[in-house]
Amino acid sequence: MAPAVVYGSLPDEVPLLLNKNGLKADATNRTYDVKEDYEGNYRFAPIEEAQVSRAMIKRYFNMMYERAISDVVIIGAGSAGLSCAYHLAKSRPDLKITIIEANVAPGGGAWLGGQLMTPMVVRKPADRFLEELGVPYEDEGPFVVVKHAALFTSTVLSRVLALPNVVLMNATAVEDLIVRPDPRDPAGQRQRVAGVVTNWTLVALNHDTQSCMDPNVITAPVIISATGHDGPMGAFSAKRLVSMGLLKELGNMRGLDMNRAEPAIVNGTREVAPGLIMTGMELSEHDGSNRMGPTFGAMMASGIKAAREAIRILETSQVVDGKIVA
């Protein structure tokens, strides 16, 4: 008979408190031979590979468990979604805000300006949001110019992720919406969006190449859709509203007109179906408004308005276990 296999125990994680050059005790009173020396003698604290796996798994799946019921889910982490998340999280630090982003890299199309050029144009008064974030710009009168669009996007992304009530699940696709009878409709005919159906993006892209790979779900009383105009995963919620019969047809985005497009997006940001707020360029597909091209002020302002709409809904609703009941 083969001898029994004995597994040694590994500490899940050992928090370290180290100075630059010397040794310092960690939380379990161990010491490590570490040194920050860039002349050829840099030494790291030792680690077991399993500790790395456990550190990631524990945090990620604890986050998934805790956010299975969220207060607000934002679909899409482009300029509108991130602006929305920032304003909402700062205004209501008590809310659990969960952002779902299909791409590995958040930011949508806001890493560059127009035609792959780097400057970002923002029409006034949306420059006030740049000031709030601390993003420098050049003033050109009716508009301002950020020297590189990535400066805005990296700044707002870092500000959002630093907020304790926000989590971001990137490389995660929303495959469907949860829809239930609206408790505010006595006849029980009206439908309410009550959550999202999620899957890893790589799984969502390979349903035709593998056998059935079922999704996960997150429930929330308010869903904010910021998936952009039509594209590989763009305008997702607008298109799904049509296919499930909650919207007769798409308005389809009209041609470029900056002067009409930006106010239409900001002023049209609203709850387009019970439980579902739409923001950013996805509205142009839903409503049939113009595109604005490489100006970004409307994305920021629309995101802020979506956050205010979410607060209004939550403050005028009775929510129990992530569901609006009255």
Protein backbone atom coordinates (compact mmCIF):
# COMPACT_ATOMS: atom_id res chain seq x y z
CA MET A 1 0.00 0.00 0.00
CA ALA A 2 1.30 3.42 -0.87
CA PRO A 3 2.16 5.64 2.09
CA ALA A 4 -0.20 8.47 2.89
CA VAL A 5 0.63 11.79 1.32
CA VAL A 6 1.30 14.50 3.89
CA TYR A 7 0.82 18.13 2.87
CA GLY A 8 2.65 20.83 4.76
CA SER A 9 0.68 23.91 5.70
CA LEU A 10 1.38 27.20 3.99
CA PRO A 11 0.45 30.54 5.51
CA ASP A 12 -2.21 32.20 3.37
CA GLU A 13 -0.34 35.48 3.35
CA VAL A 14 2.37 37.04 5.44
CA PRO A 15 2.01 40.83 5.61
CA LEU A 16 5.44 42.45 5.49
CA LEU A 17 6.60 45.75 6.96
CA LEU A 18 10.02 46.42 5.47
CA ASN A 19 12.33 49.39 5.29
CA LYS A 20 14.46 50.08 2.24
CA ASN A 21 17.66 48.35 3.23
CA GLY A 22 17.33 46.45 6.46
CA LEU A 23 15.39 43.69 8.12
CA LYS A 24 12.12 44.23 9.87
CA ALA A 25 9.76 41.87 11.65
CA ASP A 26 6.52 41.01 9.90
CA ALA A 27 3.13 40.41 11.52
CA THR A 28 4.11 36.87 12.53
CA ASN A 29 7.47 37.94 13.97
CA ARG A 30 9.48 36.50 11.09
CA THR A 31 12.33 38.42 9.52
CA TYR A 32 13.46 38.35 5.90
CA ASP A 33 16.73 39.12 4.23
CA VAL A 34 15.61 41.91 1.88
CA LYS A 35 17.47 44.82 0.39
CA GLU A 36 16.58 47.65 -1.99
CA ASP A 37 19.88 47.93 -3.83
CA TYR A 38 20.02 48.91 -7.49
CA GLU A 39 23.74 48.19 -7.81
CA GLY A 40 23.28 44.47 -8.35
CA ASN A 41 22.26 43.25 -4.90
CA TYR A 42 18.45 43.72 -4.85
CA ARG A 43 16.86 40.97 -2.72
CA PHE A 44 13.14 40.16 -2.36
CA ALA A 45 11.39 38.49 0.54
CA PRO A 46 10.78 34.81 -0.23
CA ILE A 47 7.38 33.62 -1.41
CA GLU A 48 5.63 30.37 -2.21
CA GLU A 49 3.73 30.20 -5.51
CA ALA A 50 0.62 28.99 -3.70
CA GLN A 51 0.62 32.15 -1.59
CA VAL A 52 0.29 34.23 -4.75
CA SER A 53 -2.68 32.16 -5.93
CA ARG A 54 -4.36 32.31 -2.54
CA ALA A 55 -3.84 36.06 -2.24
CA MET A 56 -5.61 36.64 -5.56
CA ILE A 57 -8.32 34.00 -5.21
CA LYS A 58 -9.33 35.01 -1.71
CA ARG A 59 -9.75 38.68 -2.55
CA TYR A 60 -11.37 38.23 -5.96
CA PHE A 61 -13.93 35.64 -4.98
CA ASN A 62 -14.70 37.38 -1.69
CA MET A 63 -15.41 40.45 -3.83
CA MET A 64 -17.68 38.44 -6.15
CA TYR A 65 -19.51 36.96 -3.16
CA GLU A 66 -20.00 40.33 -1.51
CA ARG A 67 -21.07 42.09 -4.72
CA ALA A 68 -23.61 39.45 -5.80
CA ILE A 69 -26.02 42.02 -4.37
CA SER A 70 -24.90 45.54 -5.24
CA ASP A 71 -26.58 48.91 -4.89
CA VAL A 72 -25.63 50.11 -8.37
CA VAL A 73 -24.10 48.23 -11.29
CA ILE A 74 -22.41 50.28 -14.02
CA ILE A 75 -21.97 48.48 -17.34
CA GLY A 76 -18.94 49.89 -19.09
CA ALA A 77 -15.86 51.69 -17.79
CA GLY A 78 -15.39 54.27 -20.53
CA SER A 79 -15.34 58.01 -19.94
CA ALA A 80 -19.07 58.19 -19.13
CA GLY A 81 -19.08 55.10 -16.89
CA LEU A 82 -16.00 56.19 -14.94
CA SER A 83 -17.27 59.77 -14.54
CA CYS A 84 -20.54 58.34 -13.26
CA ALA A 85 -18.79 56.00 -10.82
CA TYR A 86 -16.63 58.81 -9.44
CA HIS A 87 -19.50 61.23 -8.83
CA LEU A 88 -21.79 58.54 -7.45
CA ALA A 89 -19.22 57.04 -5.10
CA LYS A 90 -18.12 60.45 -3.80
CA SER A 91 -21.71 61.61 -3.30
CA ARG A 92 -22.92 58.39 -1.67
CA PRO A 93 -20.04 56.56 0.04
CA ASP A 94 -22.58 54.20 1.60
CA LEU A 95 -23.45 52.62 -1.76
CA LYS A 96 -21.86 49.44 -3.11
CA ILE A 97 -20.98 50.36 -6.71
CA THR A 98 -19.89 47.57 -9.05
CA ILE A 99 -18.44 48.34 -12.49
CA ILE A 100 -18.45 45.64 -15.18
CA GLU A 101 -16.05 46.16 -18.09
CA ALA A 102 -15.76 43.72 -21.00
CA ASN A 103 -12.25 44.73 -22.02
CA VAL A 104 -9.09 43.91 -20.12
CA ALA A 105 -8.18 47.62 -20.19
CA PRO A 106 -10.84 50.00 -18.84
CA GLY A 107 -11.23 53.43 -20.41
CA GLY A 108 -13.13 52.73 -23.61
CA GLY A 109 -12.24 55.18 -26.37
CA ALA A 110 -10.88 57.83 -24.01
CA TRP A 111 -7.19 56.87 -24.25
CA LEU A 112 -6.82 58.99 -27.40
CA GLY A 113 -8.48 61.96 -29.04
CA GLY A 114 -9.60 61.96 -32.66
CA GLN A 115 -7.96 59.90 -35.43
CA LEU A 116 -5.45 58.37 -33.00
CA MET A 117 -4.12 61.80 -31.99
CA THR A 118 -3.36 62.29 -28.30
CA PRO A 119 -4.92 65.64 -27.20
CA MET A 120 -8.40 65.58 -25.64
CA VAL A 121 -10.87 68.43 -26.27
CA VAL A 122 -13.43 69.23 -23.57
CA ARG A 123 -16.06 71.92 -24.09
CA LYS A 124 -16.98 74.19 -21.20
CA PRO A 125 -18.51 73.89 -18.63
CA ALA A 126 -17.34 70.25 -18.41
CA ASP A 127 -13.83 71.56 -17.65
CA ARG A 128 -15.04 71.87 -14.05
CA PHE A 129 -14.88 68.09 -13.76
CA LEU A 130 -11.26 68.18 -14.90
CA GLU A 131 -10.55 70.72 -12.16
CA GLU A 132 -12.21 68.50 -9.58
CA LEU A 133 -10.00 65.59 -10.64
CA GLY A 134 -6.88 67.75 -10.80
CA VAL A 135 -6.28 67.20 -14.54
CA PRO A 136 -4.34 70.12 -16.07
CA TYR A 137 -5.38 71.63 -19.38
CA GLU A 138 -4.83 74.54 -21.78
CA ASP A 139 -7.70 77.03 -22.00
CA GLU A 140 -8.79 77.81 -25.56
CA GLY A 141 -11.80 79.99 -24.66
CA PRO A 142 -14.98 77.94 -25.28
CA PHE A 143 -13.11 74.69 -24.75
CA VAL A 144 -10.01 73.31 -23.03
CA VAL A 145 -7.40 70.82 -24.22
CA VAL A 146 -5.82 68.10 -22.10
CA LYS A 147 -2.34 67.36 -23.48
CA HIS A 148 -3.03 63.62 -23.67
CA ALA A 149 -6.38 61.88 -23.35
CA ALA A 150 -4.70 59.18 -21.28
CA LEU A 151 -3.96 61.78 -18.61
CA PHE A 152 -7.68 62.22 -18.01
CA THR A 153 -8.51 58.52 -18.28
CA SER A 154 -5.70 57.30 -16.03
CA THR A 155 -6.54 59.98 -13.47
CA VAL A 156 -10.28 59.31 -13.26
CA LEU A 157 -9.62 55.55 -13.26
CA SER A 158 -7.17 55.81 -10.37
CA ARG A 159 -9.52 58.09 -8.44
CA VAL A 160 -12.41 55.66 -8.91
CA LEU A 161 -10.43 52.57 -7.91
CA ALA A 162 -9.14 54.31 -4.78
CA LEU A 163 -12.69 54.78 -3.48
CA PRO A 164 -13.51 52.06 -0.95
CA ASN A 165 -17.11 51.54 -2.11
CA VAL A 166 -16.23 50.83 -5.77
CA VAL A 167 -15.08 47.58 -7.34
CA LEU A 168 -14.20 46.98 -10.98
CA MET A 169 -14.56 43.60 -12.69
CA ASN A 170 -12.79 43.96 -16.02
CA ALA A 171 -12.45 41.24 -18.66
CA THR A 172 -16.07 40.51 -17.65
CA ALA A 173 -18.96 40.78 -20.10
CA VAL A 174 -22.61 41.49 -19.41
CA GLU A 175 -24.43 38.84 -21.46
CA ASP A 176 -27.98 39.73 -20.47
CA LEU A 177 -30.18 41.75 -18.14
CA ILE A 178 -32.24 40.38 -15.25
CA VAL A 179 -35.85 41.45 -15.75
CA ARG A 180 -38.71 41.01 -13.27
CA PRO A 181 -42.29 42.31 -12.94
CA ASP A 182 -42.17 45.86 -11.61
CA PRO A 183 -43.62 45.91 -8.06
CA ARG A 184 -44.76 49.48 -8.67
CA ASP A 185 -47.15 48.31 -11.38
CA PRO A 186 -50.33 46.94 -9.74
CA ALA A 187 -51.30 45.19 -12.97
CA GLY A 188 -47.99 43.34 -13.07
CA GLN A 189 -47.50 44.08 -16.77
CA ARG A 190 -44.54 46.45 -16.64
CA GLN A 191 -41.05 44.93 -16.48
CA ARG A 192 -38.16 46.18 -14.36
CA VAL A 193 -34.44 45.69 -14.96
CA ALA A 194 -33.14 44.21 -11.72
CA GLY A 195 -29.58 43.07 -12.39
CA VAL A 196 -27.04 41.80 -14.89
CA VAL A 197 -25.98 38.41 -16.22
CA THR A 198 -22.19 38.14 -16.41
CA ASN A 199 -19.49 35.89 -17.77
CA TRP A 200 -15.76 36.11 -18.44
CA THR A 201 -15.40 37.99 -21.73
CA LEU A 202 -13.32 35.17 -23.25
CA VAL A 203 -16.15 32.78 -22.43
CA ALA A 204 -18.76 35.15 -23.88
CA LEU A 205 -16.77 35.31 -27.11
CA ASN A 206 -16.56 31.52 -27.40
CA HIS A 207 -20.11 30.25 -26.85
CA ASP A 208 -20.09 29.02 -30.45
CA THR A 209 -16.86 27.06 -30.04
CA GLN A 210 -17.59 25.17 -26.81
CA SER A 211 -20.47 23.41 -25.09
CA CYS A 212 -22.78 25.42 -22.85
CA MET A 213 -20.95 27.68 -20.39
CA ASP A 214 -23.56 29.18 -18.07
CA PRO A 215 -23.17 32.68 -16.61
CA ASN A 216 -23.25 34.33 -13.20
CA VAL A 217 -25.63 37.04 -11.95
CA ILE A 218 -25.46 40.27 -9.96
CA THR A 219 -28.64 41.90 -8.69
CA ALA A 220 -29.03 45.61 -8.01
CA PRO A 221 -31.93 48.06 -7.73
CA VAL A 222 -30.28 50.38 -10.27
CA ILE A 223 -28.34 49.47 -13.42
CA ILE A 224 -26.47 52.17 -15.36
CA SER A 225 -25.57 51.27 -18.93
CA ALA A 226 -22.59 53.07 -20.46
CA THR A 227 -21.56 50.68 -23.22
CA GLY A 228 -21.02 53.25 -25.98
CA HIS A 229 -22.32 53.39 -29.52
CA ASP A 230 -22.75 50.33 -31.68
CA GLY A 231 -19.71 48.06 -31.92
CA PRO A 232 -18.55 44.55 -30.93
CA MET A 233 -20.08 44.98 -27.46
CA GLY A 234 -21.39 48.53 -27.82
CA ALA A 235 -24.97 49.68 -27.26
CA PHE A 236 -25.56 46.36 -25.52
CA SER A 237 -28.45 47.37 -23.29
CA ALA A 238 -30.18 49.42 -25.98
CA LYS A 239 -30.11 46.45 -28.35
CA ARG A 240 -31.22 44.04 -25.64
CA LEU A 241 -34.21 46.24 -24.77
CA VAL A 242 -35.34 45.87 -28.38
CA SER A 243 -34.82 42.11 -28.55
CA MET A 244 -36.72 41.54 -25.30
CA GLY A 245 -39.61 43.76 -26.37
CA LEU A 246 -39.09 46.65 -23.95
CA LEU A 247 -38.18 49.07 -26.76
CA LYS A 248 -39.86 49.05 -30.16
CA GLU A 249 -36.74 49.85 -32.18
CA LEU A 250 -33.37 51.55 -31.97
CA GLY A 251 -33.25 55.23 -32.82
CA ASN A 252 -29.85 54.65 -34.50
CA MET A 253 -27.08 57.19 -34.13
CA ARG A 254 -27.26 60.14 -36.53
CA GLY A 255 -24.34 61.86 -38.30
CA LEU A 256 -21.80 64.08 -36.58
CA ASP A 257 -22.91 67.47 -35.27
CA MET A 258 -21.02 68.54 -32.15
CA ASN A 259 -23.35 71.41 -31.30
CA ARG A 260 -26.45 69.24 -31.32
CA ALA A 261 -24.89 66.04 -30.08
CA GLU A 262 -23.36 66.98 -26.73
CA PRO A 263 -26.38 68.70 -25.15
CA ALA A 264 -28.65 65.94 -26.48
CA ILE A 265 -26.59 63.27 -24.71
CA VAL A 266 -26.35 65.12 -21.40
CA ASN A 267 -29.96 66.33 -21.31
CA GLY A 268 -31.24 62.94 -22.50
CA THR A 269 -29.46 60.95 -19.78
CA ARG A 270 -32.28 59.27 -17.88
CA GLU A 271 -33.99 56.08 -16.76
CA VAL A 272 -34.92 54.65 -20.16
CA ALA A 273 -36.67 51.61 -18.67
CA PRO A 274 -37.59 50.92 -15.05
CA GLY A 275 -34.34 50.19 -13.22
CA LEU A 276 -32.09 51.02 -16.21
CA ILE A 277 -30.37 54.38 -16.63
CA MET A 278 -28.56 55.01 -19.91
CA THR A 279 -25.59 57.36 -20.26
CA GLY A 280 -22.97 58.36 -22.81
CA MET A 281 -22.93 57.41 -26.47
CA GLU A 282 -25.23 54.43 -25.99
CA LEU A 283 -28.01 57.04 -25.79
CA SER A 284 -27.32 58.10 -29.37
CA GLU A 285 -28.25 54.60 -30.52
CA HIS A 286 -31.28 54.45 -28.20
CA ASP A 287 -32.64 57.91 -29.02
CA GLY A 288 -31.36 58.51 -32.56
CA SER A 289 -29.29 61.55 -31.67
CA ASN A 290 -26.17 62.84 -33.40
CA ARG A 291 -22.63 61.75 -32.69
CA MET A 292 -20.15 64.36 -31.49
CA GLY A 293 -16.85 62.80 -32.50
CA PRO A 294 -13.66 63.75 -30.62
CA THR A 295 -15.09 66.00 -27.91
CA PHE A 296 -15.47 64.48 -24.46
CA GLY A 297 -17.30 66.97 -22.25
CA ALA A 298 -20.67 65.32 -22.83
CA MET A 299 -19.32 61.96 -21.67
CA MET A 300 -18.23 63.46 -18.35
CA ALA A 301 -21.41 65.48 -17.82
CA SER A 302 -23.67 62.62 -18.89
CA GLY A 303 -21.94 60.33 -16.40
CA ILE A 304 -22.49 62.86 -13.62
CA LYS A 305 -26.17 63.20 -14.54
CA ALA A 306 -26.56 59.41 -14.55
CA ALA A 307 -25.12 59.32 -11.02
CA ARG A 308 -27.67 61.93 -9.92
CA GLU A 309 -30.48 59.95 -11.52
CA ALA A 310 -29.36 56.84 -9.63
CA ILE A 311 -29.38 58.73 -6.35
CA ARG A 312 -32.86 60.07 -7.11
CA ILE A 313 -34.19 56.57 -7.78
CA LEU A 314 -32.65 55.11 -4.64
CA GLU A 315 -33.87 57.96 -2.47
CA THR A 316 -37.45 57.57 -3.70
CA SER A 317 -37.60 53.77 -3.53
CA GLN A 318 -37.90 51.11 -0.88
CA VAL A 319 -35.07 48.63 -1.37
CA VAL A 320 -34.91 45.22 0.33
CA ASP A 321 -32.08 42.76 -0.36
CA GLY A 322 -31.08 44.53 -3.54
CA LYS A 323 -34.60 44.73 -4.92
CA ILE A 324 -36.96 47.68 -5.28
CA VAL A 325 -40.15 46.58 -3.56
CA ALA A 326 -42.04 49.88 -3.53
